[in-house]
């Protein structure tokens, strides 16, 4: 998906083969199991989790720190 495109709930969530809910991480465009281990809480989203997974949030923060000394 192109950046800035708002996904519908059905497009950004799915149930995997194991029956677990996965959420689309829009930073690096991949599926991640949706839980508090993999996503930060964010009340602004309907599912209660941030748009980027924790691993990508860390990468994004590191890049921002590197680019803005």
Protein backbone atom coordinates (compact mmCIF):
# COMPACT_ATOMS: atom_id res chain seq x y z
CA UNK A 1 0.00 0.00 0.00
CA UNK A 2 1.25 3.51 -0.68
CA UNK A 3 2.08 5.63 2.36
CA UNK A 4 -0.71 7.89 3.46
CA UNK A 5 -3.40 5.47 2.28
CA UNK A 6 -5.79 4.73 5.14
CA UNK A 7 -6.59 1.03 5.25
CA UNK A 8 -9.97 -0.32 6.21
CA UNK A 9 -10.06 -2.70 9.19
CA UNK A 10 -10.63 -5.67 6.88
CA UNK A 11 -7.55 -4.73 4.83
CA UNK A 12 -5.21 -4.30 7.79
CA UNK A 13 -6.29 -7.32 9.87
CA UNK A 14 -6.53 -11.02 9.12
CA UNK A 15 -6.67 -14.38 10.85
CA UNK A 16 -3.66 -16.58 10.08
CA UNK A 17 -3.50 -20.37 9.66
CA UNK A 18 -3.12 -20.82 13.44
CA UNK A 19 -6.28 -18.83 14.13
CA UNK A 20 -4.40 -15.79 15.50
CA UNK A 21 -5.24 -12.23 14.51
CA UNK A 22 -2.52 -10.47 12.54
CA UNK A 23 -2.19 -6.77 11.81
CA UNK A 24 -0.51 -5.11 8.81
CA UNK A 25 2.56 -3.07 9.84
CA UNK A 26 2.46 -0.15 7.44
CA UNK A 27 6.07 0.95 8.05
CA UNK A 28 7.78 -2.03 6.37
CA UNK A 29 4.64 -3.59 4.90
CA UNK A 30 4.42 -6.95 6.62
CA UNK A 31 2.00 -8.94 8.76
CA UNK A 32 2.61 -9.25 12.51
CA UNK A 33 0.63 -11.10 15.18
CA UNK A 34 -1.55 -8.47 16.87
CA UNK A 35 -0.87 -8.38 20.59
CA UNK A 36 0.80 -6.17 23.20
CA UNK A 37 4.09 -8.01 22.69
CA UNK A 38 4.31 -6.84 19.06
CA UNK A 39 2.41 -3.51 19.05
CA UNK A 40 2.30 -0.52 21.39
CA UNK A 41 -1.11 0.45 22.72
CA UNK A 42 -2.73 3.43 21.03
CA UNK A 43 -6.26 4.48 21.94
CA UNK A 44 -6.60 6.50 18.74
CA UNK A 45 -7.02 3.36 16.60
CA UNK A 46 -10.15 1.24 16.65
CA UNK A 47 -8.21 -1.92 17.56
CA UNK A 48 -6.28 -0.16 20.35
CA UNK A 49 -2.83 -0.69 18.83
CA UNK A 50 -0.35 1.54 16.98
CA UNK A 51 -0.08 1.35 13.19
CA UNK A 52 3.59 0.24 13.23
CA UNK A 53 4.86 -2.84 15.07
CA UNK A 54 7.31 -2.35 17.96
CA UNK A 55 10.31 -3.49 15.90
CA UNK A 56 9.55 -0.94 13.16
CA UNK A 57 8.87 1.78 15.74
CA UNK A 58 12.36 1.20 17.11
CA UNK A 59 13.86 1.34 13.60
CA UNK A 60 11.91 4.51 12.80
CA UNK A 61 13.03 6.18 16.04
CA UNK A 62 16.69 5.22 15.45
CA UNK A 63 16.52 6.67 11.93
CA UNK A 64 14.97 9.89 13.21
CA UNK A 65 17.71 10.25 15.87
CA UNK A 66 20.44 9.54 13.29
CA UNK A 67 18.99 12.01 10.76
CA UNK A 68 18.48 14.77 13.35
CA UNK A 69 21.57 14.92 15.59
